[in-house]
Amino acid sequence: MDIVTGVGVLDKAMTILDAIEPGPCSLGELQGATGLPRATAHRLATALEAHGLLRRADDGRFELGPHLVTLGRAAAGRFALIAAATPVLRALRDATGESVQLFVREGDARRCVISLESPHGLRWIVPEGSLLPLDLGSSGRVLLGDTPKLGWVESIGEREPGVASVSAPIVDGANVVIAAIAVSGPIERLSRAPGRRFGVAVAEAAAQIVV
């Protein structure tokens, strides 16, 4: 278990939530994923369940609870970046016909905070809330500051085979990168030069987002 705040019970509770984020866990799986004693994992999981932060699936495993949906919507509504970016990303998705994402840096990783799916049957889906590496993929490189003069970064099969993407930075008033937007999809449609197809559109969309 990672000690983040020094408030033991809070760090342990967050470890449990993080362990369940990818999917439901039995008590044994939860214990193995967190390294917590079985009794501690059970006590905290049932307490989180009582607060609606976890729930029990039909098979008895713990999964994320409905109160997190309420909290997530409230947080998103107060996150100025999401409010400013959402209409721009919808227009970009409609113009390109491909999936569009917004990423922010979170420590040594990147978090997907908006994910709009392509209308195509064959599409690349990044679930909202996903935590992905910074060193793989065009958005990660943008968040690391790797943005050439063209204003966009492309990747081809870098993080996932068969997937291409092109990303551009969103900057604040001091020209500091605060987020990255991406268009992503199968290489068959985006080609091995996704920047040539969508780089300008992505860069122009990013420039429209002001927070």
N, C-alpha and C. Protein backbone atom coordinates (compact mmCIF):
# COMPACT_ATOMS: atom_id res chain seq x y z
N MET A 1 0.83 -1.20 0.00
CA MET A 1 0.00 0.00 0.00
C MET A 1 0.87 1.25 0.00
N ASP A 2 0.55 2.20 -0.88
CA ASP A 2 1.30 3.45 -0.94
C ASP A 2 0.81 4.40 0.14
N ILE A 3 1.76 5.00 0.89
CA ILE A 3 1.42 6.02 1.87
C ILE A 3 1.50 7.36 1.16
N VAL A 4 0.35 8.02 1.01
CA VAL A 4 0.29 9.26 0.24
C VAL A 4 0.11 10.45 1.16
N THR A 5 -0.85 10.36 2.08
CA THR A 5 -1.18 11.51 2.92
C THR A 5 -0.67 11.38 4.35
N GLY A 6 -0.36 10.17 4.76
CA GLY A 6 -0.01 9.96 6.16
C GLY A 6 -1.23 9.72 7.03
N VAL A 7 -2.42 9.88 6.48
CA VAL A 7 -3.67 9.55 7.19
C VAL A 7 -4.00 8.12 6.81
N GLY A 8 -3.63 7.21 7.70
CA GLY A 8 -3.65 5.79 7.36
C GLY A 8 -4.95 5.27 6.81
N VAL A 9 -6.06 5.57 7.48
CA VAL A 9 -7.33 4.99 7.06
C VAL A 9 -7.75 5.55 5.70
N LEU A 10 -7.42 6.82 5.43
CA LEU A 10 -7.76 7.39 4.13
C LEU A 10 -6.93 6.76 3.02
N ASP A 11 -5.63 6.61 3.26
CA ASP A 11 -4.77 5.98 2.26
C ASP A 11 -5.22 4.55 1.97
N LYS A 12 -5.61 3.83 3.01
CA LYS A 12 -6.07 2.45 2.82
C LYS A 12 -7.39 2.41 2.04
N ALA A 13 -8.30 3.33 2.36
CA ALA A 13 -9.57 3.38 1.65
C ALA A 13 -9.36 3.69 0.17
N MET A 14 -8.44 4.62 -0.12
CA MET A 14 -8.18 4.96 -1.52
C MET A 14 -7.50 3.80 -2.24
N THR A 15 -6.68 3.04 -1.52
CA THR A 15 -6.05 1.87 -2.12
C THR A 15 -7.11 0.86 -2.54
N ILE A 16 -8.14 0.71 -1.73
CA ILE A 16 -9.24 -0.20 -2.06
C ILE A 16 -9.99 0.29 -3.29
N LEU A 17 -10.32 1.59 -3.32
CA LEU A 17 -11.03 2.13 -4.48
C LEU A 17 -10.20 1.99 -5.75
N ASP A 18 -8.91 2.26 -5.66
CA ASP A 18 -8.03 2.13 -6.82
C ASP A 18 -7.96 0.69 -7.31
N ALA A 19 -7.98 -0.26 -6.36
CA ALA A 19 -7.91 -1.68 -6.74
C ALA A 19 -9.16 -2.13 -7.47
N ILE A 20 -10.30 -1.53 -7.11
CA ILE A 20 -11.58 -1.93 -7.71
C ILE A 20 -11.86 -1.17 -9.00
N GLU A 21 -11.16 -0.07 -9.23
CA GLU A 21 -11.43 0.74 -10.42
C GLU A 21 -11.41 -0.06 -11.71
N PRO A 22 -10.45 -0.99 -11.94
CA PRO A 22 -10.46 -1.74 -13.21
C PRO A 22 -11.61 -2.72 -13.34
N GLY A 23 -12.20 -3.14 -12.21
CA GLY A 23 -13.31 -4.08 -12.26
C GLY A 23 -13.60 -4.66 -10.89
N PRO A 24 -14.74 -5.35 -10.75
CA PRO A 24 -15.14 -5.91 -9.45
C PRO A 24 -14.09 -6.85 -8.88
N CYS A 25 -14.02 -6.90 -7.53
CA CYS A 25 -13.06 -7.77 -6.84
C CYS A 25 -13.76 -8.51 -5.72
N SER A 26 -13.41 -9.78 -5.56
CA SER A 26 -13.81 -10.50 -4.37
C SER A 26 -12.96 -10.02 -3.21
N LEU A 27 -13.32 -10.42 -1.99
CA LEU A 27 -12.53 -10.01 -0.84
C LEU A 27 -11.10 -10.53 -0.96
N GLY A 28 -10.96 -11.77 -1.43
CA GLY A 28 -9.61 -12.33 -1.60
C GLY A 28 -8.80 -11.56 -2.63
N GLU A 29 -9.44 -11.20 -3.75
CA GLU A 29 -8.75 -10.43 -4.78
C GLU A 29 -8.39 -9.05 -4.27
N LEU A 30 -9.27 -8.48 -3.47
CA LEU A 30 -9.02 -7.16 -2.90
C LEU A 30 -7.84 -7.20 -1.94
N GLN A 31 -7.79 -8.23 -1.14
CA GLN A 31 -6.67 -8.39 -0.22
C GLN A 31 -5.36 -8.54 -0.99
N GLY A 32 -5.38 -9.35 -2.05
CA GLY A 32 -4.17 -9.55 -2.83
C GLY A 32 -3.72 -8.29 -3.55
N ALA A 33 -4.68 -7.51 -4.05
CA ALA A 33 -4.34 -6.30 -4.81
C ALA A 33 -3.83 -5.19 -3.92
N THR A 34 -4.32 -5.13 -2.68
CA THR A 34 -3.96 -4.02 -1.80
C THR A 34 -2.85 -4.36 -0.82
N GLY A 35 -2.68 -5.64 -0.53
CA GLY A 35 -1.70 -6.04 0.48
C GLY A 35 -2.18 -5.80 1.90
N LEU A 36 -3.46 -5.46 2.05
CA LEU A 36 -4.02 -5.23 3.38
C LEU A 36 -4.40 -6.56 4.03
N PRO A 37 -4.38 -6.63 5.36
CA PRO A 37 -4.90 -7.82 6.02
C PRO A 37 -6.36 -8.05 5.63
N ARG A 38 -6.78 -9.30 5.60
CA ARG A 38 -8.14 -9.63 5.15
C ARG A 38 -9.19 -8.89 5.98
N ALA A 39 -9.01 -8.87 7.30
CA ALA A 39 -10.00 -8.22 8.16
C ALA A 39 -10.08 -6.72 7.89
N THR A 40 -8.91 -6.10 7.64
CA THR A 40 -8.89 -4.66 7.35
C THR A 40 -9.55 -4.37 6.03
N ALA A 41 -9.24 -5.16 5.00
CA ALA A 41 -9.85 -4.97 3.69
C ALA A 41 -11.36 -5.11 3.77
N HIS A 42 -11.83 -6.10 4.51
CA HIS A 42 -13.28 -6.32 4.65
C HIS A 42 -13.93 -5.16 5.40
N ARG A 43 -13.31 -4.72 6.48
CA ARG A 43 -13.88 -3.63 7.29
C ARG A 43 -14.00 -2.35 6.48
N LEU A 44 -12.94 -2.00 5.75
CA LEU A 44 -12.97 -0.77 4.97
C LEU A 44 -13.91 -0.88 3.77
N ALA A 45 -13.93 -2.03 3.11
CA ALA A 45 -14.81 -2.20 1.96
C ALA A 45 -16.27 -2.11 2.36
N THR A 46 -16.64 -2.70 3.49
CA THR A 46 -18.03 -2.62 3.93
C THR A 46 -18.38 -1.22 4.39
N ALA A 47 -17.41 -0.49 4.96
CA ALA A 47 -17.66 0.90 5.34
C ALA A 47 -17.87 1.76 4.09
N LEU A 48 -17.06 1.55 3.07
CA LEU A 48 -17.23 2.28 1.81
C LEU A 48 -18.56 1.92 1.16
N GLU A 49 -18.98 0.68 1.31
CA GLU A 49 -20.28 0.25 0.79
C GLU A 49 -21.41 0.99 1.50
N ALA A 50 -21.29 1.16 2.80
CA ALA A 50 -22.31 1.86 3.57
C ALA A 50 -22.47 3.31 3.12
N HIS A 51 -21.38 3.90 2.62
CA HIS A 51 -21.42 5.29 2.15
C HIS A 51 -21.76 5.39 0.65
N GLY A 52 -22.03 4.25 0.01
CA GLY A 52 -22.38 4.26 -1.40
C GLY A 52 -21.20 4.38 -2.33
N LEU A 53 -19.97 4.32 -1.80
CA LEU A 53 -18.79 4.42 -2.64
C LEU A 53 -18.43 3.07 -3.25
N LEU A 54 -18.90 2.00 -2.65
CA LEU A 54 -18.81 0.66 -3.22
C LEU A 54 -20.20 0.03 -3.16
N ARG A 55 -20.39 -1.01 -3.94
CA ARG A 55 -21.61 -1.80 -3.89
C ARG A 55 -21.25 -3.25 -4.14
N ARG A 56 -22.19 -4.15 -3.90
CA ARG A 56 -21.95 -5.57 -4.17
C ARG A 56 -22.59 -5.94 -5.50
N ALA A 57 -21.81 -6.58 -6.34
CA ALA A 57 -22.35 -7.13 -7.59
C ALA A 57 -23.20 -8.36 -7.26
N ASP A 58 -23.90 -8.86 -8.26
CA ASP A 58 -24.77 -10.01 -8.04
C ASP A 58 -24.01 -11.23 -7.55
N ASP A 59 -22.73 -11.32 -7.92
CA ASP A 59 -21.93 -12.47 -7.48
C ASP A 59 -21.23 -12.22 -6.15
N GLY A 60 -21.53 -11.10 -5.49
CA GLY A 60 -20.97 -10.81 -4.17
C GLY A 60 -19.68 -10.03 -4.18
N ARG A 61 -19.10 -9.81 -5.37
CA ARG A 61 -17.86 -9.04 -5.43
C ARG A 61 -18.14 -7.55 -5.22
N PHE A 62 -17.11 -6.87 -4.75
CA PHE A 62 -17.22 -5.42 -4.56
C PHE A 62 -16.97 -4.72 -5.90
N GLU A 63 -17.77 -3.67 -6.16
CA GLU A 63 -17.54 -2.83 -7.32
C GLU A 63 -17.84 -1.39 -6.95
N LEU A 64 -17.44 -0.46 -7.83
CA LEU A 64 -17.64 0.96 -7.53
C LEU A 64 -19.11 1.27 -7.36
N GLY A 65 -19.41 2.15 -6.39
CA GLY A 65 -20.78 2.41 -6.01
C GLY A 65 -21.40 3.64 -6.66
N PRO A 66 -22.73 3.78 -6.54
CA PRO A 66 -23.45 4.85 -7.23
C PRO A 66 -23.14 6.25 -6.73
N HIS A 67 -22.69 6.38 -5.48
CA HIS A 67 -22.41 7.72 -4.98
C HIS A 67 -21.21 8.34 -5.69
N LEU A 68 -20.33 7.49 -6.22
CA LEU A 68 -19.19 8.01 -6.98
C LEU A 68 -19.66 8.69 -8.27
N VAL A 69 -20.76 8.21 -8.83
CA VAL A 69 -21.31 8.84 -10.03
C VAL A 69 -21.76 10.26 -9.70
N THR A 70 -22.45 10.41 -8.59
CA THR A 70 -22.90 11.74 -8.16
C THR A 70 -21.73 12.67 -7.92
N LEU A 71 -20.73 12.16 -7.20
CA LEU A 71 -19.55 12.98 -6.91
C LEU A 71 -18.81 13.34 -8.19
N GLY A 72 -18.69 12.37 -9.10
CA GLY A 72 -17.98 12.62 -10.35
C GLY A 72 -18.66 13.68 -11.19
N ARG A 73 -19.98 13.62 -11.26
CA ARG A 73 -20.71 14.61 -12.04
C ARG A 73 -20.58 15.99 -11.41
N ALA A 74 -20.63 16.04 -10.08
CA ALA A 74 -20.49 17.33 -9.40
C ALA A 74 -19.10 17.91 -9.63
N ALA A 75 -18.07 17.05 -9.56
CA ALA A 75 -16.70 17.52 -9.77
C ALA A 75 -16.52 18.00 -11.21
N ALA A 76 -17.07 17.22 -12.16
CA ALA A 76 -16.93 17.60 -13.57
C ALA A 76 -17.60 18.94 -13.85
N GLY A 77 -18.76 19.15 -13.22
CA GLY A 77 -19.47 20.40 -13.44
C GLY A 77 -18.73 21.61 -12.90
N ARG A 78 -17.83 21.39 -11.95
CA ARG A 78 -17.08 22.50 -11.36
C ARG A 78 -15.66 22.59 -11.90
N PHE A 79 -15.32 21.73 -12.83
CA PHE A 79 -13.99 21.71 -13.41
C PHE A 79 -14.05 22.55 -14.67
N ALA A 80 -13.52 23.77 -14.61
CA ALA A 80 -13.66 24.72 -15.71
C ALA A 80 -13.12 24.16 -17.03
N LEU A 81 -12.06 23.39 -16.97
CA LEU A 81 -11.48 22.84 -18.19
C LEU A 81 -12.48 21.94 -18.91
N ILE A 82 -13.18 21.09 -18.17
CA ILE A 82 -14.14 20.18 -18.79
C ILE A 82 -15.28 20.96 -19.42
N ALA A 83 -15.77 21.97 -18.70
CA ALA A 83 -16.87 22.77 -19.25
C ALA A 83 -16.45 23.48 -20.53
N ALA A 84 -15.23 24.00 -20.56
CA ALA A 84 -14.76 24.71 -21.75
C ALA A 84 -14.46 23.77 -22.91
N ALA A 85 -13.96 22.58 -22.58
CA ALA A 85 -13.51 21.67 -23.63
C ALA A 85 -14.62 20.84 -24.26
N THR A 86 -15.66 20.53 -23.51
CA THR A 86 -16.67 19.58 -23.99
C THR A 86 -17.29 19.97 -25.33
N PRO A 87 -17.79 21.20 -25.51
CA PRO A 87 -18.38 21.51 -26.82
C PRO A 87 -17.36 21.49 -27.96
N VAL A 88 -16.13 21.87 -27.68
CA VAL A 88 -15.09 21.86 -28.71
C VAL A 88 -14.78 20.42 -29.10
N LEU A 89 -14.69 19.53 -28.12
CA LEU A 89 -14.38 18.14 -28.42
C LEU A 89 -15.54 17.46 -29.16
N ARG A 90 -16.76 17.83 -28.82
CA ARG A 90 -17.90 17.26 -29.57
C ARG A 90 -17.84 17.68 -31.04
N ALA A 91 -17.52 18.94 -31.28
CA ALA A 91 -17.41 19.40 -32.66
C ALA A 91 -16.26 18.70 -33.38
N LEU A 92 -15.15 18.47 -32.68
CA LEU A 92 -14.01 17.77 -33.28
C LEU A 92 -14.37 16.33 -33.60
N ARG A 93 -15.07 15.67 -32.68
CA ARG A 93 -15.51 14.28 -32.94
C ARG A 93 -16.42 14.23 -34.16
N ASP A 94 -17.36 15.16 -34.26
CA ASP A 94 -18.29 15.16 -35.38
C ASP A 94 -17.58 15.47 -36.70
N ALA A 95 -16.58 16.35 -36.65
CA ALA A 95 -15.86 16.74 -37.87
C ALA A 95 -14.94 15.63 -38.37
N THR A 96 -14.30 14.90 -37.45
CA THR A 96 -13.35 13.86 -37.85
C THR A 96 -14.00 12.49 -37.98
N GLY A 97 -15.10 12.28 -37.26
CA GLY A 97 -15.72 10.95 -37.25
C GLY A 97 -14.97 9.95 -36.42
N GLU A 98 -14.00 10.42 -35.62
CA GLU A 98 -13.19 9.52 -34.80
C GLU A 98 -13.36 9.83 -33.31
N SER A 99 -12.89 8.92 -32.48
CA SER A 99 -12.97 9.11 -31.04
C SER A 99 -12.06 10.25 -30.60
N VAL A 100 -12.51 10.99 -29.60
CA VAL A 100 -11.78 12.16 -29.11
C VAL A 100 -11.65 12.06 -27.60
N GLN A 101 -10.49 12.43 -27.08
CA GLN A 101 -10.25 12.38 -25.63
C GLN A 101 -9.59 13.66 -25.14
N LEU A 102 -9.79 13.93 -23.86
CA LEU A 102 -9.08 15.00 -23.17
C LEU A 102 -8.33 14.37 -22.00
N PHE A 103 -7.01 14.64 -21.93
CA PHE A 103 -6.17 14.09 -20.88
C PHE A 103 -5.55 15.20 -20.05
N VAL A 104 -5.41 14.95 -18.75
CA VAL A 104 -4.65 15.84 -17.88
C VAL A 104 -3.57 15.01 -17.20
N ARG A 105 -2.51 15.68 -16.83
CA ARG A 105 -1.42 14.98 -16.15
C ARG A 105 -1.78 14.72 -14.71
N GLU A 106 -1.45 13.55 -14.24
CA GLU A 106 -1.66 13.17 -12.84
C GLU A 106 -0.40 12.46 -12.35
N GLY A 107 0.51 13.22 -11.76
CA GLY A 107 1.78 12.65 -11.33
C GLY A 107 2.58 12.18 -12.53
N ASP A 108 2.94 10.91 -12.53
CA ASP A 108 3.71 10.33 -13.62
C ASP A 108 2.82 9.61 -14.63
N ALA A 109 1.55 9.98 -14.67
CA ALA A 109 0.61 9.34 -15.59
C ALA A 109 -0.32 10.41 -16.17
N ARG A 110 -1.26 9.96 -17.00
CA ARG A 110 -2.25 10.89 -17.56
C ARG A 110 -3.63 10.29 -17.35
N ARG A 111 -4.56 11.16 -17.01
CA ARG A 111 -5.93 10.74 -16.72
C ARG A 111 -6.85 11.21 -17.85
N CYS A 112 -7.69 10.31 -18.35
CA CYS A 112 -8.68 10.68 -19.35
C CYS A 112 -9.90 11.26 -18.64
N VAL A 113 -10.19 12.53 -18.87
CA VAL A 113 -11.31 13.18 -18.19
C VAL A 113 -12.51 13.40 -19.10
N ILE A 114 -12.31 13.34 -20.40
CA ILE A 114 -13.43 13.33 -21.36
C ILE A 114 -13.11 12.29 -22.42
N SER A 115 -14.09 11.48 -22.77
CA SER A 115 -13.92 10.50 -23.84
C SER A 115 -15.21 10.45 -24.66
N LEU A 116 -15.12 10.85 -25.92
CA LEU A 116 -16.26 10.85 -26.83
C LEU A 116 -16.00 9.82 -27.92
N GLU A 117 -16.92 8.87 -28.06
CA GLU A 117 -16.70 7.75 -28.97
C GLU A 117 -17.05 8.09 -30.42
N SER A 118 -16.32 7.48 -31.32
CA SER A 118 -16.60 7.57 -32.74
C SER A 118 -17.92 6.86 -33.05
N PRO A 119 -18.65 7.32 -34.06
CA PRO A 119 -19.87 6.61 -34.45
C PRO A 119 -19.60 5.31 -35.22
N HIS A 120 -18.35 5.09 -35.62
CA HIS A 120 -18.01 3.87 -36.37
C HIS A 120 -18.14 2.64 -35.48
N GLY A 121 -18.51 1.53 -36.09
CA GLY A 121 -18.56 0.28 -35.34
C GLY A 121 -17.19 -0.14 -34.85
N LEU A 122 -16.18 0.04 -35.69
CA LEU A 122 -14.79 -0.23 -35.31
C LEU A 122 -14.19 1.07 -34.82
N ARG A 123 -13.94 1.16 -33.51
CA ARG A 123 -13.45 2.40 -32.94
C ARG A 123 -12.56 2.09 -31.75
N TRP A 124 -11.79 3.09 -31.35
CA TRP A 124 -10.90 2.98 -30.20
C TRP A 124 -11.57 3.68 -29.03
N ILE A 125 -11.77 2.95 -27.93
CA ILE A 125 -12.47 3.47 -26.77
C ILE A 125 -11.51 3.60 -25.60
N VAL A 126 -11.43 4.80 -25.02
CA VAL A 126 -10.68 5.03 -23.80
C VAL A 126 -11.71 5.42 -22.73
N PRO A 127 -11.99 4.57 -21.76
CA PRO A 127 -12.99 4.91 -20.75
C PRO A 127 -12.61 6.16 -19.97
N GLU A 128 -13.58 7.02 -19.70
CA GLU A 128 -13.31 8.17 -18.86
C GLU A 128 -12.82 7.70 -17.49
N GLY A 129 -11.81 8.37 -16.99
CA GLY A 129 -11.21 7.99 -15.72
C GLY A 129 -9.99 7.12 -15.86
N SER A 130 -9.74 6.61 -17.08
CA SER A 130 -8.58 5.73 -17.28
C SER A 130 -7.28 6.47 -16.97
N LEU A 131 -6.37 5.75 -16.32
CA LEU A 131 -5.05 6.28 -16.02
C LEU A 131 -4.04 5.57 -16.91
N LEU A 132 -3.38 6.33 -17.76
CA LEU A 132 -2.48 5.77 -18.77
C LEU A 132 -1.07 6.34 -18.61
N PRO A 133 -0.07 5.65 -19.17
CA PRO A 133 1.32 6.12 -19.03
C PRO A 133 1.57 7.41 -19.81
N LEU A 134 2.52 8.19 -19.32
CA LEU A 134 2.91 9.41 -20.00
C LEU A 134 3.86 9.15 -21.16
N ASP A 135 4.66 8.10 -21.05
CA ASP A 135 5.74 7.91 -22.02
C ASP A 135 5.33 7.15 -23.26
N LEU A 136 4.05 6.78 -23.36
CA LEU A 136 3.56 6.08 -24.54
C LEU A 136 2.28 6.75 -25.03
N GLY A 137 2.22 7.05 -26.31
CA GLY A 137 1.05 7.69 -26.87
C GLY A 137 1.25 9.18 -27.07
N SER A 138 0.55 9.73 -28.05
CA SER A 138 0.77 11.13 -28.42
C SER A 138 0.37 12.09 -27.30
N SER A 139 -0.72 11.80 -26.59
CA SER A 139 -1.14 12.72 -25.52
C SER A 139 -0.15 12.75 -24.37
N GLY A 140 0.41 11.60 -24.05
CA GLY A 140 1.41 11.56 -22.99
C GLY A 140 2.62 12.41 -23.34
N ARG A 141 3.05 12.32 -24.58
CA ARG A 141 4.22 13.10 -24.99
C ARG A 141 3.92 14.59 -25.00
N VAL A 142 2.68 14.95 -25.37
CA VAL A 142 2.28 16.37 -25.31
C VAL A 142 2.36 16.88 -23.87
N LEU A 143 1.84 16.08 -22.94
CA LEU A 143 1.85 16.49 -21.53
C LEU A 143 3.26 16.55 -20.97
N LEU A 144 4.18 15.84 -21.59
CA LEU A 144 5.59 15.92 -21.19
C LEU A 144 6.32 17.09 -21.85
N GLY A 145 5.60 17.82 -22.71
CA GLY A 145 6.20 18.99 -23.34
C GLY A 145 6.76 18.75 -24.72
N ASP A 146 6.51 17.57 -25.29
CA ASP A 146 7.06 17.23 -26.61
C ASP A 146 6.09 17.68 -27.70
N THR A 147 6.07 18.97 -27.98
CA THR A 147 5.19 19.50 -29.01
C THR A 147 6.01 20.26 -30.05
N PRO A 148 6.12 19.73 -31.26
CA PRO A 148 6.91 20.39 -32.29
C PRO A 148 6.22 21.65 -32.80
N LYS A 149 6.89 22.36 -33.70
CA LYS A 149 6.36 23.63 -34.21
C LYS A 149 5.04 23.47 -34.95
N LEU A 150 4.78 22.26 -35.46
CA LEU A 150 3.52 22.03 -36.14
C LEU A 150 2.33 22.13 -35.19
N GLY A 151 2.59 21.96 -33.90
CA GLY A 151 1.52 22.09 -32.91
C GLY A 151 0.82 20.82 -32.55
N TRP A 152 1.28 19.69 -33.06
CA TRP A 152 0.66 18.41 -32.75
C TRP A 152 1.71 17.30 -32.72
N VAL A 153 1.34 16.21 -32.07
CA VAL A 153 2.20 15.02 -31.96
C VAL A 153 1.36 13.82 -32.42
N GLU A 154 1.95 12.92 -33.18
CA GLU A 154 1.24 11.73 -33.62
C GLU A 154 1.90 10.47 -33.07
N SER A 155 1.12 9.42 -32.97
CA SER A 155 1.68 8.11 -32.60
C SER A 155 0.97 7.04 -33.41
N ILE A 156 1.72 6.00 -33.76
CA ILE A 156 1.18 4.91 -34.58
C ILE A 156 1.54 3.60 -33.90
N GLY A 157 0.55 2.94 -33.33
CA GLY A 157 0.78 1.66 -32.67
C GLY A 157 1.72 1.74 -31.51
N GLU A 158 1.82 2.88 -30.88
CA GLU A 158 2.83 3.08 -29.83
C GLU A 158 2.43 2.45 -28.50
N ARG A 159 1.19 2.68 -28.09
CA ARG A 159 0.73 2.10 -26.83
C ARG A 159 -0.10 0.85 -27.06
N GLU A 160 -0.90 0.86 -28.13
CA GLU A 160 -1.72 -0.29 -28.48
C GLU A 160 -1.53 -0.60 -29.96
N PRO A 161 -1.21 -1.84 -30.31
CA PRO A 161 -1.07 -2.20 -31.72
C PRO A 161 -2.35 -1.91 -32.48
N GLY A 162 -2.20 -1.37 -33.68
CA GLY A 162 -3.36 -1.12 -34.52
C GLY A 162 -4.07 0.20 -34.27
N VAL A 163 -3.57 1.00 -33.31
CA VAL A 163 -4.22 2.27 -32.98
C VAL A 163 -3.29 3.43 -33.29
N ALA A 164 -3.84 4.45 -33.92
CA ALA A 164 -3.09 5.68 -34.21
C ALA A 164 -3.77 6.85 -33.52
N SER A 165 -3.00 7.89 -33.24
CA SER A 165 -3.60 9.07 -32.61
C SER A 165 -2.79 10.30 -32.97
N VAL A 166 -3.43 11.44 -32.80
CA VAL A 166 -2.75 12.72 -32.95
C VAL A 166 -3.28 13.63 -31.85
N SER A 167 -2.36 14.34 -31.17
CA SER A 167 -2.72 15.13 -30.00
C SER A 167 -2.12 16.52 -30.09
N ALA A 168 -2.76 17.45 -29.37
CA ALA A 168 -2.27 18.83 -29.32
C ALA A 168 -2.47 19.36 -27.90
N PRO A 169 -1.65 20.32 -27.49
CA PRO A 169 -1.71 20.82 -26.12
C PRO A 169 -2.75 21.93 -25.93
N ILE A 170 -3.33 21.96 -24.74
CA ILE A 170 -4.11 23.10 -24.27
C ILE A 170 -3.22 23.84 -23.29
N VAL A 171 -3.07 25.14 -23.48
CA VAL A 171 -2.18 25.91 -22.63
C VAL A 171 -2.96 26.98 -21.88
N ASP A 172 -2.40 27.40 -20.74
CA ASP A 172 -3.02 28.46 -19.96
C ASP A 172 -2.47 29.83 -20.39
N GLY A 173 -2.82 30.87 -19.65
CA GLY A 173 -2.39 32.20 -20.01
C GLY A 173 -0.90 32.41 -19.98
N ALA A 174 -0.19 31.56 -19.23
CA ALA A 174 1.27 31.65 -19.17
C ALA A 174 1.94 30.71 -20.17
N ASN A 175 1.14 30.15 -21.09
CA ASN A 175 1.64 29.23 -22.12
C ASN A 175 2.18 27.93 -21.53
N VAL A 176 1.63 27.52 -20.39
CA VAL A 176 1.98 26.25 -19.76
C VAL A 176 0.96 25.20 -20.17
N VAL A 177 1.44 24.03 -20.57
CA VAL A 177 0.54 22.95 -21.00
C VAL A 177 -0.25 22.44 -19.79
N ILE A 178 -1.57 22.50 -19.87
CA ILE A 178 -2.41 22.02 -18.77
C ILE A 178 -3.22 20.78 -19.14
N ALA A 179 -3.29 20.46 -20.43
CA ALA A 179 -4.05 19.30 -20.87
C ALA A 179 -3.68 18.99 -22.32
N ALA A 180 -4.16 17.85 -22.79
CA ALA A 180 -3.94 17.46 -24.18
C ALA A 180 -5.23 16.89 -24.73
N ILE A 181 -5.54 17.24 -25.97
CA ILE A 181 -6.68 16.60 -26.63
C ILE A 181 -6.14 15.68 -27.71
N ALA A 182 -6.91 14.64 -27.98
CA ALA A 182 -6.46 13.63 -28.94
C ALA A 182 -7.60 13.16 -29.81
N VAL A 183 -7.28 12.86 -31.04
CA VAL A 183 -8.15 12.09 -31.93
C VAL A 183 -7.48 10.74 -32.10
N SER A 184 -8.23 9.66 -31.89
CA SER A 184 -7.62 8.34 -31.98
C SER A 184 -8.56 7.37 -32.67
N GLY A 185 -7.98 6.34 -33.26
CA GLY A 185 -8.78 5.34 -33.95
C GLY A 185 -7.91 4.30 -34.61
N PRO A 186 -8.52 3.38 -35.32
CA PRO A 186 -7.76 2.32 -35.99
C PRO A 186 -6.83 2.90 -37.06
N ILE A 187 -5.66 2.31 -37.16
CA ILE A 187 -4.70 2.74 -38.19
C ILE A 187 -5.31 2.63 -39.58
N GLU A 188 -6.20 1.65 -39.77
CA GLU A 188 -6.83 1.48 -41.08
C GLU A 188 -7.51 2.75 -41.56
N ARG A 189 -8.07 3.53 -40.62
CA ARG A 189 -8.75 4.77 -41.02
C ARG A 189 -7.85 5.99 -40.86
N LEU A 190 -7.12 6.06 -39.74
CA LEU A 190 -6.28 7.24 -39.51
C LEU A 190 -5.01 7.21 -40.33
N SER A 191 -4.65 6.03 -40.81
CA SER A 191 -3.45 5.80 -41.62
C SER A 191 -2.19 5.86 -40.75
N ARG A 192 -1.05 5.69 -41.37
CA ARG A 192 0.22 5.77 -40.64
C ARG A 192 0.76 7.20 -40.63
N ALA A 193 -0.08 8.12 -41.02
CA ALA A 193 0.26 9.55 -40.93
C ALA A 193 -0.96 10.29 -40.38
N PRO A 194 -1.38 9.97 -39.15
CA PRO A 194 -2.60 10.60 -38.62
C PRO A 194 -2.49 12.10 -38.49
N GLY A 195 -1.27 12.60 -38.28
CA GLY A 195 -1.08 14.04 -38.19
C GLY A 195 -1.40 14.74 -39.49
N ARG A 196 -1.09 14.08 -40.58
CA ARG A 196 -1.38 14.67 -41.89
C ARG A 196 -2.88 14.81 -42.09
N ARG A 197 -3.63 13.85 -41.56
CA ARG A 197 -5.09 13.87 -41.72
C ARG A 197 -5.75 14.84 -40.74
N PHE A 198 -5.35 14.77 -39.47
CA PHE A 198 -6.11 15.48 -38.45
C PHE A 198 -5.30 16.44 -37.59
N GLY A 199 -4.00 16.56 -37.85
CA GLY A 199 -3.17 17.40 -36.99
C GLY A 199 -3.64 18.84 -36.90
N VAL A 200 -3.95 19.44 -38.03
CA VAL A 200 -4.39 20.84 -38.03
C VAL A 200 -5.70 20.98 -37.29
N ALA A 201 -6.64 20.06 -37.51
CA ALA A 201 -7.94 20.14 -36.85
C ALA A 201 -7.79 20.01 -35.34
N VAL A 202 -6.92 19.12 -34.89
CA VAL A 202 -6.72 18.93 -33.45
C VAL A 202 -6.06 20.17 -32.84
N ALA A 203 -5.04 20.69 -33.51
CA ALA A 203 -4.35 21.89 -33.00
C ALA A 203 -5.29 23.09 -32.95
N GLU A 204 -6.12 23.25 -33.97
CA GLU A 204 -7.06 24.36 -33.98
C GLU A 204 -8.10 24.21 -32.87
N ALA A 205 -8.55 22.98 -32.64
CA ALA A 205 -9.51 22.76 -31.55
C ALA A 205 -8.90 23.07 -30.20
N ALA A 206 -7.67 22.63 -30.00
CA ALA A 206 -6.99 22.91 -28.72
C ALA A 206 -6.86 24.40 -28.48
N ALA A 207 -6.59 25.15 -29.55
CA ALA A 207 -6.42 26.60 -29.41
C ALA A 207 -7.72 27.31 -29.05
N GLN A 208 -8.86 26.67 -29.32
CA GLN A 208 -10.15 27.27 -28.99
C GLN A 208 -10.50 27.16 -27.52
N ILE A 209 -9.82 26.28 -26.80
CA ILE A 209 -10.19 26.00 -25.40
C ILE A 209 -9.42 26.97 -24.50
N VAL A 210 -10.15 27.86 -23.87
CA VAL A 210 -9.55 28.88 -23.01
C VAL A 210 -10.12 28.71 -21.61
N VAL A 211 -9.23 28.58 -20.63
CA VAL A 211 -9.68 28.44 -19.23
C VAL A 211 -8.99 29.47 -18.35
